[in-house]
C-alpha atoms as a PDB file:
ATOM      1  CA  UNK A   1      -3.475  45.088-106.780  1.00  0.00           C
ATOM      2  CA  UNK A   2      -3.406  41.336-107.356  1.00  0.00           C
ATOM      3  CA  UNK A   3      -4.339  40.053-110.801  1.00  0.00           C
ATOM      4  CA  UNK A   4      -5.417  36.424-111.121  1.00  0.00           C
ATOM      5  CA  UNK A   5      -5.581  35.069-114.651  1.00  0.00           C
ATOM      6  CA  UNK A   6      -8.228  32.474-115.477  1.00  0.00           C
ATOM      7  CA  UNK A   7      -7.778  30.605-118.757  1.00  0.00           C
ATOM      8  CA  UNK A   8     -11.322  29.705-119.740  1.00  0.00           C
ATOM      9  CA  UNK A   9     -10.509  26.208-121.015  1.00  0.00           C
ATOM     10  CA  UNK A  10     -12.770  24.467-123.517  1.00  0.00           C
ATOM     11  CA  UNK A  11     -15.616  26.895-124.148  1.00  0.00           C
ATOM     12  CA  UNK A  12     -17.966  23.999-124.963  1.00  0.00           C
ATOM     13  CA  UNK A  13     -17.602  22.722-121.406  1.00  0.00           C
ATOM     14  CA  UNK A  14     -18.366  24.363-118.070  1.00  0.00           C
ATOM     15  CA  UNK A  15     -15.188  26.443-117.763  1.00  0.00           C
ATOM     16  CA  UNK A  16     -16.604  29.910-118.473  1.00  0.00           C
ATOM     17  CA  UNK A  17     -19.705  29.132-116.381  1.00  0.00           C
ATOM     18  CA  UNK A  18     -17.812  28.090-113.232  1.00  0.00           C
ATOM     19  CA  UNK A  19     -15.315  30.934-113.646  1.00  0.00           C
ATOM     20  CA  UNK A  20     -18.068  33.566-113.773  1.00  0.00           C
ATOM     21  CA  UNK A  21     -19.942  31.983-110.883  1.00  0.00           C
ATOM     22  CA  UNK A  22     -16.852  31.639-108.691  1.00  0.00           C
ATOM     23  CA  UNK A  23     -15.818  35.244-109.244  1.00  0.00           C
ATOM     24  CA  UNK A  24     -19.330  36.657-108.860  1.00  0.00           C
ATOM     25  CA  UNK A  25     -20.874  34.565-106.063  1.00  0.00           C
ATOM     26  CA  UNK A  26     -18.143  34.820-103.455  1.00  0.00           C
ATOM     27  CA  UNK A  27     -16.511  37.679-101.568  1.00  0.00           C
ATOM     28  CA  UNK A  28     -12.979  38.461-102.685  1.00  0.00           C
ATOM     29  CA  UNK A  29     -10.513  41.040-101.323  1.00  0.00           C
ATOM     30  CA  UNK A  30     -11.002  44.556-102.658  1.00  0.00           C
ATOM     31  CA  UNK A  31      -7.518  44.612-104.206  1.00  0.00           C
ATOM     32  CA  UNK A  32      -8.082  41.534-106.417  1.00  0.00           C
ATOM     33  CA  UNK A  33      -8.978  41.582-110.107  1.00  0.00           C
ATOM     34  CA  UNK A  34      -9.664  38.588-112.343  1.00  0.00           C
ATOM     35  CA  UNK A  35      -8.429  38.446-115.928  1.00  0.00           C
ATOM     36  CA  UNK A  36     -10.344  35.994-118.111  1.00  0.00           C
ATOM     37  CA  UNK A  37      -8.205  34.804-121.015  1.00  0.00           C
ATOM     38  CA  UNK A  38     -10.107  33.595-124.055  1.00  0.00           C
ATOM     39  CA  UNK A  39     -12.940  34.740-126.296  1.00  0.00           C
ATOM     40  CA  UNK A  40     -14.748  37.614-124.604  1.00  0.00           C
ATOM     41  CA  UNK A  41     -17.675  37.350-127.012  1.00  0.00           C
ATOM     42  CA  UNK A  42     -18.283  33.673-126.167  1.00  0.00           C
ATOM     43  CA  UNK A  43     -18.049  34.313-122.422  1.00  0.00           C
ATOM     44  CA  UNK A  44     -20.561  37.144-122.724  1.00  0.00           C
ATOM     45  CA  UNK A  45     -22.815  34.953-124.891  1.00  0.00           C
ATOM     46  CA  UNK A  46     -22.792  32.221-122.251  1.00  0.00           C
ATOM     47  CA  UNK A  47     -23.344  34.702-119.419  1.00  0.00           C
ATOM     48  CA  UNK A  48     -26.396  36.115-121.197  1.00  0.00           C
ATOM     49  CA  UNK A  49     -27.790  32.688-122.138  1.00  0.00           C
ATOM     50  CA  UNK A  50     -27.504  31.360-118.569  1.00  0.00           C
ATOM     51  CA  UNK A  51     -28.343  34.667-116.854  1.00  0.00           C
ATOM     52  CA  UNK A  52     -25.027  34.754-114.994  1.00  0.00           C
ATOM     53  CA  UNK A  53     -23.920  38.292-114.120  1.00  0.00           C
ATOM     54  CA  UNK A  54     -20.365  39.343-114.962  1.00  0.00           C
ATOM     55  CA  UNK A  55     -18.656  40.752-111.889  1.00  0.00           C
ATOM     56  CA  UNK A  56     -17.085  44.194-111.987  1.00  0.00           C
ATOM     57  CA  UNK A  57     -13.906  42.490-110.837  1.00  0.00           C
ATOM     58  CA  UNK A  58     -13.614  40.776-114.229  1.00  0.00           C
ATOM     59  CA  UNK A  59     -11.342  42.031-116.986  1.00  0.00           C
ATOM     60  CA  UNK A  60     -10.822  40.304-120.321  1.00  0.00           C
ATOM     61  CA  UNK A  61      -7.698  39.469-122.255  1.00  0.00           C
ATOM     62  CA  UNK A  62      -9.574  38.820-125.455  1.00  0.00           C
ATOM     63  CA  UNK A  63      -8.390  36.183-127.906  1.00  0.00           C
ATOM     64  CA  UNK A  64     -10.387  36.590-131.080  1.00  0.00           C
ATOM     65  CA  UNK A  65     -11.022  33.679-133.395  1.00  0.00           C
ATOM     66  CA  UNK A  66     -13.918  32.080-135.230  1.00  0.00           C
ATOM     67  CA  UNK A  67     -14.929  29.615-132.543  1.00  0.00           C
ATOM     68  CA  UNK A  68     -18.625  28.893-132.277  1.00  0.00           C
ATOM     69  CA  UNK A  69     -20.148  28.015-128.927  1.00  0.00           C
ATOM     70  CA  UNK A  70     -21.363  24.412-129.264  1.00  0.00           C
ATOM     71  CA  UNK A  71     -22.206  23.178-125.744  1.00  0.00           C
ATOM     72  CA  UNK A  72     -21.128  19.608-125.075  1.00  0.00           C
ATOM     73  CA  UNK A  73     -19.271  19.086-128.337  1.00  0.00           C
ATOM     74  CA  UNK A  74     -15.593  18.228-128.806  1.00  0.00           C
ATOM     75  CA  UNK A  75     -14.317  20.682-131.382  1.00  0.00           C
ATOM     76  CA  UNK A  76     -10.814  21.366-132.659  1.00  0.00           C
ATOM     77  CA  UNK A  77     -11.362  25.133-132.790  1.00  0.00           C
ATOM     78  CA  UNK A  78     -12.324  25.225-129.103  1.00  0.00           C
ATOM     79  CA  UNK A  79      -9.187  23.282-128.164  1.00  0.00           C
ATOM     80  CA  UNK A  80      -6.966  25.604-130.167  1.00  0.00           C
ATOM     81  CA  UNK A  81      -8.508  28.576-128.387  1.00  0.00           C
ATOM     82  CA  UNK A  82      -7.900  26.855-125.045  1.00  0.00           C
ATOM     83  CA  UNK A  83      -4.247  26.279-125.941  1.00  0.00           C
ATOM     84  CA  UNK A  84      -3.684  29.933-126.815  1.00  0.00           C
ATOM     85  CA  UNK A  85      -5.375  31.092-123.611  1.00  0.00           C
ATOM     86  CA  UNK A  86      -3.046  28.861-121.555  1.00  0.00           C
ATOM     87  CA  UNK A  87       0.014  30.207-123.369  1.00  0.00           C
ATOM     88  CA  UNK A  88      -1.096  33.794-122.776  1.00  0.00           C
ATOM     89  CA  UNK A  89      -1.710  33.123-119.081  1.00  0.00           C
ATOM     90  CA  UNK A  90       1.767  31.632-118.672  1.00  0.00           C
ATOM     91  CA  UNK A  91       3.325  34.607-120.462  1.00  0.00           C
ATOM     92  CA  UNK A  92       1.412  36.959-118.178  1.00  0.00           C
ATOM     93  CA  UNK A  93       2.650  35.138-115.068  1.00  0.00           C
ATOM     94  CA  UNK A  94       6.254  35.012-116.256  1.00  0.00           C
ATOM     95  CA  UNK A  95       6.232  38.719-117.125  1.00  0.00           C
ATOM     96  CA  UNK A  96       4.649  39.705-113.812  1.00  0.00           C
ATOM     97  CA  UNK A  97       1.460  41.061-115.378  1.00  0.00           C
ATOM     98  CA  UNK A  98      -0.435  38.257-113.618  1.00  0.00           C
ATOM     99  CA  UNK A  99       0.240  37.103-110.057  1.00  0.00           C
ATOM    100  CA  UNK A 100      -1.143  33.592-110.612  1.00  0.00           C
ATOM    101  CA  UNK A 101      -3.123  31.556-113.095  1.00  0.00           C
ATOM    102  CA  UNK A 102      -6.154  29.314-112.588  1.00  0.00           C
ATOM    103  CA  UNK A 103      -7.020  26.989-115.445  1.00  0.00           C
ATOM    104  CA  UNK A 104     -10.522  25.912-116.400  1.00  0.00           C
ATOM    105  CA  UNK A 105     -10.815  22.364-117.822  1.00  0.00           C
ATOM    106  CA  UNK A 106      -9.665  21.398-121.300  1.00  0.00           C
ATOM    107  CA  UNK A 107     -10.688  18.436-123.442  1.00  0.00           C
ATOM    108  CA  UNK A 108      -7.765  16.050-123.863  1.00  0.00           C
ATOM    109  CA  UNK A 109      -9.633  14.435-126.752  1.00  0.00           C
ATOM    110  CA  UNK A 110      -9.986  17.844-128.361  1.00  0.00           C
ATOM    111  CA  UNK A 111      -6.292  18.603-127.886  1.00  0.00           C
ATOM    112  CA  UNK A 112      -5.411  15.278-129.490  1.00  0.00           C
ATOM    113  CA  UNK A 113      -7.669  15.973-132.479  1.00  0.00           C
ATOM    114  CA  UNK A 114      -6.143  19.442-132.811  1.00  0.00           C
ATOM    115  CA  UNK A 115      -2.647  17.964-132.943  1.00  0.00           C
ATOM    116  CA  UNK A 116      -1.648  19.457-129.594  1.00  0.00           C
ATOM    117  CA  UNK A 117       0.446  16.620-128.255  1.00  0.00           C
ATOM    118  CA  UNK A 118       0.519  17.122-124.494  1.00  0.00           C
ATOM    119  CA  UNK A 119      -0.921  14.701-121.899  1.00  0.00           C
ATOM    120  CA  UNK A 120      -2.547  17.535-119.951  1.00  0.00           C
ATOM    121  CA  UNK A 121      -2.140  20.937-118.331  1.00  0.00           C
ATOM    122  CA  UNK A 122       0.635  19.807-115.976  1.00  0.00           C
ATOM    123  CA  UNK A 123       3.070  18.681-118.659  1.00  0.00           C
ATOM    124  CA  UNK A 124       2.155  21.594-120.961  1.00  0.00           C
ATOM    125  CA  UNK A 125       2.842  24.167-118.235  1.00  0.00           C
ATOM    126  CA  UNK A 126       6.157  22.511-117.413  1.00  0.00           C
ATOM    127  CA  UNK A 127       7.118  22.697-121.087  1.00  0.00           C
ATOM    128  CA  UNK A 128       6.118  26.355-121.387  1.00  0.00           C
ATOM    129  CA  UNK A 129       8.096  27.339-118.283  1.00  0.00           C
ATOM    130  CA  UNK A 130      11.116  25.132-118.967  1.00  0.00           C
ATOM    131  CA  UNK A 131      10.530  23.158-115.764  1.00  0.00           C
ATOM    132  CA  UNK A 132      12.144  19.721-115.456  1.00  0.00           C
ATOM    133  CA  UNK A 133      11.102  18.680-111.948  1.00  0.00           C
ATOM    134  CA  UNK A 134       7.354  19.103-111.439  1.00  0.00           C
ATOM    135  CA  UNK A 135       4.319  17.337-110.105  1.00  0.00           C
ATOM    136  CA  UNK A 136       0.567  17.299-109.647  1.00  0.00           C
ATOM    137  CA  UNK A 137      -0.939  17.551-106.176  1.00  0.00           C
ATOM    138  CA  UNK A 138      -4.665  17.335-105.483  1.00  0.00           C
ATOM    139  CA  UNK A 139      -6.397  18.687-102.392  1.00  0.00           C
ATOM    140  CA  UNK A 140      -9.914  17.911-101.211  1.00  0.00           C
ATOM    141  CA  UNK A 141     -11.935  16.186 -98.520  1.00  0.00           C
ATOM    142  CA  UNK A 142      -9.171  16.750 -95.987  1.00  0.00           C
ATOM    143  CA  UNK A 143      -6.554  14.991 -98.146  1.00  0.00           C
ATOM    144  CA  UNK A 144      -3.452  16.129-100.001  1.00  0.00           C
ATOM    145  CA  UNK A 145      -2.451  13.648-102.701  1.00  0.00           C
ATOM    146  CA  UNK A 146       0.653  13.785-104.894  1.00  0.00           C
ATOM    147  CA  UNK A 147       0.880  11.626-108.020  1.00  0.00           C
ATOM    148  CA  UNK A 148       4.100   9.988-109.222  1.00  0.00           C
ATOM    149  CA  UNK A 149       2.650   9.108-112.641  1.00  0.00           C
ATOM    150  CA  UNK A 150      -0.277  10.922-114.194  1.00  0.00           C
ATOM    151  CA  UNK A 151      -2.083  10.409-117.500  1.00  0.00           C
ATOM    152  CA  UNK A 152      -0.661   7.137-118.737  1.00  0.00           C
ATOM    153  CA  UNK A 153      -2.285   3.704-119.257  1.00  0.00           C
ATOM    154  CA  UNK A 154      -2.360   1.436-116.204  1.00  0.00           C
ATOM    155  CA  UNK A 155      -0.363  -1.145-118.176  1.00  0.00           C
ATOM    156  CA  UNK A 156       2.552   1.322-118.386  1.00  0.00           C
ATOM    157  CA  UNK A 157       2.629   2.325-114.700  1.00  0.00           C
ATOM    158  CA  UNK A 158       5.058  -0.295-113.313  1.00  0.00           C
ATOM    159  CA  UNK A 159       7.699   0.451-115.951  1.00  0.00           C
ATOM    160  CA  UNK A 160       7.231   4.207-115.474  1.00  0.00           C
ATOM    161  CA  UNK A 161       8.042   4.065-111.750  1.00  0.00           C
ATOM    162  CA  UNK A 162      11.679   4.797-111.007  1.00  0.00           C
ATOM    163  CA  UNK A 163      13.569   5.527-107.836  1.00  0.00           C
ATOM    164  CA  UNK A 164      14.189   9.018-109.175  1.00  0.00           C
ATOM    165  CA  UNK A 165      10.615  10.046-110.005  1.00  0.00           C
ATOM    166  CA  UNK A 166       9.297   8.575-106.748  1.00  0.00           C
ATOM    167  CA  UNK A 167      11.946  10.458-104.752  1.00  0.00           C
ATOM    168  CA  UNK A 168      11.204  13.688-106.646  1.00  0.00           C
ATOM    169  CA  UNK A 169       7.475  13.322-105.894  1.00  0.00           C
ATOM    170  CA  UNK A 170       8.274  12.934-102.196  1.00  0.00           C
ATOM    171  CA  UNK A 171      10.578  15.966-102.231  1.00  0.00           C
ATOM    172  CA  UNK A 172       8.027  18.160-104.021  1.00  0.00           C
ATOM    173  CA  UNK A 173       5.418  17.051-101.500  1.00  0.00           C
ATOM    174  CA  UNK A 174       7.641  18.044 -98.598  1.00  0.00           C
ATOM    175  CA  UNK A 175       8.325  21.423-100.188  1.00  0.00           C
ATOM    176  CA  UNK A 176       4.608  21.972-100.759  1.00  0.00           C
ATOM    177  CA  UNK A 177       3.843  21.156 -97.136  1.00  0.00           C
ATOM    178  CA  UNK A 178       6.489  23.651 -95.996  1.00  0.00           C
ATOM    179  CA  UNK A 179       4.928  26.251 -98.306  1.00  0.00           C
ATOM    180  CA  UNK A 180       1.621  25.585 -96.540  1.00  0.00           C
ATOM    181  CA  UNK A 181       3.250  26.197 -93.163  1.00  0.00           C
ATOM    182  CA  UNK A 182       3.623  22.508 -92.246  1.00  0.00           C
ATOM    183  CA  UNK A 183       7.273  21.994 -91.335  1.00  0.00           C
ATOM    184  CA  UNK A 184       8.625  18.446 -91.247  1.00  0.00           C
ATOM    185  CA  UNK A 185       5.232  17.183 -92.462  1.00  0.00           C
ATOM    186  CA  UNK A 186       4.400  13.484 -92.322  1.00  0.00           C
ATOM    187  CA  UNK A 187       4.367  12.006 -95.839  1.00  0.00           C
ATOM    188  CA  UNK A 188       2.733   8.634 -96.457  1.00  0.00           C
ATOM    189  CA  UNK A 189       3.729   6.690 -99.569  1.00  0.00           C
ATOM    190  CA  UNK A 190       1.430   4.205-101.301  1.00  0.00           C
ATOM    191  CA  UNK A 191       2.666   0.836-102.359  1.00  0.00           C
ATOM    192  CA  UNK A 192       1.859  -0.188-105.906  1.00  0.00           C
ATOM    193  CA  UNK A 193       0.786  -3.766-105.265  1.00  0.00           C
ATOM    194  CA  UNK A 194      -1.856  -5.253-102.933  1.00  0.00           C
ATOM    195  CA  UNK A 195      -0.530  -5.321 -99.349  1.00  0.00           C
ATOM    196  CA  UNK A 196       2.431  -3.233-100.603  1.00  0.00           C
ATOM    197  CA  UNK A 197       3.822  -6.372-102.208  1.00  0.00           C
ATOM    198  CA  UNK A 198       3.763  -8.594 -99.101  1.00  0.00           C
ATOM    199  CA  UNK A 199       7.549  -8.716 -98.933  1.00  0.00           C
ATOM    200  CA  UNK A 200       7.908  -9.445-102.642  1.00  0.00           C
ATOM    201  CA  UNK A 201       5.292 -12.188-102.851  1.00  0.00           C
ATOM    202  CA  UNK A 202       2.857  -9.966-104.823  1.00  0.00           C
ATOM    203  CA  UNK A 203       5.357  -7.921-106.824  1.00  0.00           C
ATOM    204  CA  UNK A 204       8.771  -6.365-106.278  1.00  0.00           C
ATOM    205  CA  UNK A 205       8.188  -2.683-107.064  1.00  0.00           C
ATOM    206  CA  UNK A 206       8.121  -1.819-103.362  1.00  0.00           C
ATOM    207  CA  UNK A 207      11.480  -3.578-102.818  1.00  0.00           C
ATOM    208  CA  UNK A 208      13.207  -2.454-106.009  1.00  0.00           C
ATOM    209  CA  UNK A 209      11.886   1.094-106.556  1.00  0.00           C
ATOM    210  CA  UNK A 210       9.578   2.516-103.889  1.00  0.00           C
ATOM    211  CA  UNK A 211      11.345   1.807-100.597  1.00  0.00           C
ATOM    212  CA  UNK A 212      14.824   2.674-101.961  1.00  0.00           C
ATOM    213  CA  UNK A 213      13.399   6.037-103.119  1.00  0.00           C
ATOM    214  CA  UNK A 214      11.915   6.541 -99.653  1.00  0.00           C
ATOM    215  CA  UNK A 215      15.267   5.848 -97.987  1.00  0.00           C
ATOM    216  CA  UNK A 216      16.939   8.341-100.310  1.00  0.00           C
ATOM    217  CA  UNK A 217      14.354  11.001 -99.442  1.00  0.00           C
ATOM    218  CA  UNK A 218      14.855  10.353 -95.735  1.00  0.00           C
ATOM    219  CA  UNK A 219      18.573  11.028 -96.120  1.00  0.00           C
ATOM    220  CA  UNK A 220      17.593  14.470 -97.429  1.00  0.00           C
ATOM    221  CA  UNK A 221      15.583  15.127 -94.279  1.00  0.00           C
ATOM    222  CA  UNK A 222      12.045  14.295 -95.379  1.00  0.00           C
ATOM    223  CA  UNK A 223       9.706  12.676 -92.852  1.00  0.00           C
ATOM    224  CA  UNK A 224       8.304   9.803 -94.886  1.00  0.00           C
ATOM    225  CA  UNK A 225       6.775   6.362 -94.251  1.00  0.00           C
ATOM    226  CA  UNK A 226       7.750   3.062 -95.799  1.00  0.00           C
ATOM    227  CA  UNK A 227       5.458   1.886 -98.590  1.00  0.00           C
ATOM    228  CA  UNK A 228       1.952   1.506 -97.119  1.00  0.00           C
ATOM    229  CA  UNK A 229      -0.870  -0.594 -98.655  1.00  0.00           C
ATOM    230  CA  UNK A 230      -3.108   1.721-100.679  1.00  0.00           C
ATOM    231  CA  UNK A 231      -6.259   0.203 -99.161  1.00  0.00           C
ATOM    232  CA  UNK A 232      -5.380   1.591 -95.719  1.00  0.00           C
ATOM    233  CA  UNK A 233      -3.233   4.677 -96.257  1.00  0.00           C
ATOM    234  CA  UNK A 234      -6.062   7.086 -97.090  1.00  0.00           C
ATOM    235  CA  UNK A 235      -8.002   6.096 -93.990  1.00  0.00           C
ATOM    236  CA  UNK A 236      -4.855   6.733 -91.976  1.00  0.00           C
ATOM    237  CA  UNK A 237      -4.330  10.088 -93.673  1.00  0.00           C
ATOM    238  CA  UNK A 238      -7.890  11.166 -92.890  1.00  0.00           C
ATOM    239  CA  UNK A 239      -7.276  10.084 -89.307  1.00  0.00           C
ATOM    240  CA  UNK A 240      -4.331  12.479 -89.180  1.00  0.00           C
ATOM    241  CA  UNK A 241      -1.392  10.087 -89.450  1.00  0.00           C
ATOM    242  CA  UNK A 242      -0.117  11.783 -92.622  1.00  0.00           C
ATOM    243  CA  UNK A 243      -0.166  15.385 -93.879  1.00  0.00           C
ATOM    244  CA  UNK A 244       0.038  14.200 -97.486  1.00  0.00           C
ATOM    245  CA  UNK A 245       0.003  10.969 -99.466  1.00  0.00           C
ATOM    246  CA  UNK A 246       2.165  10.115-102.472  1.00  0.00           C
ATOM    247  CA  UNK A 247       0.275   7.804-104.839  1.00  0.00           C
ATOM    248  CA  UNK A 248       1.889   5.778-107.597  1.00  0.00           C
ATOM    249  CA  UNK A 249      -0.733   6.372-110.296  1.00  0.00           C
ATOM    250  CA  UNK A 250      -3.688   8.580-111.158  1.00  0.00           C
ATOM    251  CA  UNK A 251      -6.723   6.614-109.985  1.00  0.00           C
ATOM    252  CA  UNK A 252      -4.948   5.178-106.944  1.00  0.00           C
ATOM    253  CA  UNK A 253      -4.755   8.701-105.549  1.00  0.00           C
ATOM    254  CA  UNK A 254      -7.764  10.422-107.046  1.00  0.00           C
ATOM    255  CA  UNK A 255     -10.349   7.700-106.430  1.00  0.00           C
ATOM    256  CA  UNK A 256     -10.295   8.153-102.626  1.00  0.00           C
ATOM    257  CA  UNK A 257      -9.985  11.932-102.830  1.00  0.00           C
ATOM    258  CA  UNK A 258     -12.946  12.334-105.170  1.00  0.00           C
ATOM    259  CA  UNK A 259     -15.018   9.917-103.127  1.00  0.00           C
ATOM    260  CA  UNK A 260     -14.929  12.301-100.164  1.00  0.00           C
ATOM    261  CA  UNK A 261     -14.395  15.664-101.878  1.00  0.00           C
ATOM    262  CA  UNK A 262     -15.825  15.367-105.375  1.00  0.00           C
ATOM    263  CA  UNK A 263     -17.137  18.908-105.848  1.00  0.00           C
ATOM    264  CA  UNK A 264     -14.467  20.751-103.887  1.00  0.00           C
ATOM    265  CA  UNK A 265     -11.137  19.346-105.096  1.00  0.00           C
ATOM    266  CA  UNK A 266      -8.231  21.480-106.270  1.00  0.00           C
ATOM    267  CA  UNK A 267      -5.260  20.689-108.484  1.00  0.00           C
ATOM    268  CA  UNK A 268      -1.995  22.575-107.947  1.00  0.00           C
ATOM    269  CA  UNK A 269       1.118  22.148-110.069  1.00  0.00           C
ATOM    270  CA  UNK A 270       4.271  21.888-107.940  1.00  0.00           C
ATOM    271  CA  UNK A 271       7.737  22.846-109.151  1.00  0.00           C
ATOM    272  CA  UNK A 272       6.757  25.712-111.479  1.00  0.00           C
ATOM    273  CA  UNK A 273       8.263  29.220-111.249  1.00  0.00           C
ATOM    274  CA  UNK A 274       4.673  30.498-111.455  1.00  0.00           C
ATOM    275  CA  UNK A 275       1.520  29.780-109.452  1.00  0.00           C
ATOM    276  CA  UNK A 276      -1.018  27.538-111.133  1.00  0.00           C
ATOM    277  CA  UNK A 277      -4.122  25.950-109.650  1.00  0.00           C
ATOM    278  CA  UNK A 278      -7.280  24.494-111.152  1.00  0.00           C
ATOM    279  CA  UNK A 279     -10.576  22.895-110.184  1.00  0.00           C
ATOM    280  CA  UNK A 280     -10.293  19.130-109.963  1.00  0.00           C
ATOM    281  CA  UNK A 281     -12.951  18.268-112.533  1.00  0.00           C
ATOM    282  CA  UNK A 282     -13.274  17.992-116.262  1.00  0.00           C
ATOM    283  CA  UNK A 283     -15.229  19.799-118.939  1.00  0.00           C
ATOM    284  CA  UNK A 284     -18.529  18.144-117.906  1.00  0.00           C
ATOM    285  CA  UNK A 285     -19.848  18.328-121.471  1.00  0.00           C
ATOM    286  CA  UNK A 286     -23.064  16.630-120.359  1.00  0.00           C
ATOM    287  CA  UNK A 287     -24.226  19.692-118.402  1.00  0.00           C
ATOM    288  CA  UNK A 288     -22.529  22.426-120.435  1.00  0.00           C
ATOM    289  CA  UNK A 289     -24.772  25.418-121.074  1.00  0.00           C
ATOM    290  CA  UNK A 290     -27.432  24.257-118.574  1.00  0.00           C
ATOM    291  CA  UNK A 291     -26.416  26.458-115.621  1.00  0.00           C
ATOM    292  CA  UNK A 292     -26.111  23.354-113.442  1.00  0.00           C
ATOM    293  CA  UNK A 293     -22.364  23.331-112.713  1.00  0.00           C
ATOM    294  CA  UNK A 294     -21.078  23.839-109.171  1.00  0.00           C
ATOM    295  CA  UNK A 295     -18.436  26.542-108.836  1.00  0.00           C
ATOM    296  CA  UNK A 296     -17.154  25.318-105.454  1.00  0.00           C
ATOM    297  CA  UNK A 297     -14.032  23.675-106.865  1.00  0.00           C
ATOM    298  CA  UNK A 298     -13.187  26.735-108.987  1.00  0.00           C
ATOM    299  CA  UNK A 299     -13.733  28.989-105.971  1.00  0.00           C
ATOM    300  CA  UNK A 300     -11.358  26.831-103.927  1.00  0.00           C
ATOM    301  CA  UNK A 301      -8.770  26.905-106.716  1.00  0.00           C
ATOM    302  CA  UNK A 302      -8.920  30.710-106.848  1.00  0.00           C
ATOM    303  CA  UNK A 303      -8.654  30.964-103.063  1.00  0.00           C
ATOM    304  CA  UNK A 304      -5.579  28.725-103.031  1.00  0.00           C
ATOM    305  CA  UNK A 305      -3.955  30.730-105.819  1.00  0.00           C
ATOM    306  CA  UNK A 306      -4.530  33.913-103.842  1.00  0.00           C
ATOM    307  CA  UNK A 307      -3.096  32.319-100.701  1.00  0.00           C
ATOM    308  CA  UNK A 308       0.004  31.211-102.595  1.00  0.00           C
ATOM    309  CA  UNK A 309       0.630  34.692-104.007  1.00  0.00           C
ATOM    310  CA  UNK A 310       1.355  35.853-100.476  1.00  0.00           C
ATOM    311  CA  UNK A 311       4.161  33.316 -99.976  1.00  0.00           C
ATOM    312  CA  UNK A 312       7.640  32.860-101.405  1.00  0.00           C
ATOM    313  CA  UNK A 313       7.640  30.389-104.274  1.00  0.00           C
ATOM    314  CA  UNK A 314      10.386  27.811-103.500  1.00  0.00           C
ATOM    315  CA  UNK A 315      10.651  26.889-107.195  1.00  0.00           C
ATOM    316  CA  UNK A 316      11.056  30.393-108.626  1.00  0.00           C
END
């Protein structure tokens, strides 16, 4: 029996809704059970309000607190509940009680107001599992995109890029491709500047950080391009030139991916000793409680988690 934990995220967003829909609307193997971590009473309240049936495959790991369901509102109590549900899911995966975890969206604003000082799921999960080398890969629209930097201001990106973190992102990407059955996969690397710096005329990051990191990764056996202008690399990846793209910052990578795969994207954390995936969307407070949310991305995240449970984790 495989047990997939789903942390329900911010209950005032669409997390519980898409989790229930994804589990109930699609066919899953007979030997799979889904454990929803969070407030059972709030999930049942939402299911009743939106007339969403609760699948027999669903079990609850109930976390009781005094949270009120307030659709579309950023509330500290909801963020604290989300934090506890994430912690419990990680503990379940580390102990072997859960085979993988899928995380519904959290509110970063809510976490900040609650004094939970983590940039996002990725960094929090790395902290909880004691992982030093980790990364965030997104899949959707026929693309695989790895990010070197994640949730930081654009003004801080150039200083945050180092030969080490670029090389580590390339290595994690290669390992992820091998895990997916793609041996010696082609990895394309984005430049930071327009035209990948034009030989140093429009910035030196490609010369000083990016290409040296690429050369170092090549010495370790990874099949990787030189820095490629970001305005062409995603077209080339869709054409089949690359199996994955390493982007230097958040919107450089996610803008193209969401343009072609907005409602189907998946986020997977690389480098962890546990399996973690998530839908590639936020809390969508604007439609919370209206039964309008698409569960396609959550379904894809669950399917990927299940697929990964059948393979050896290279980071365990």
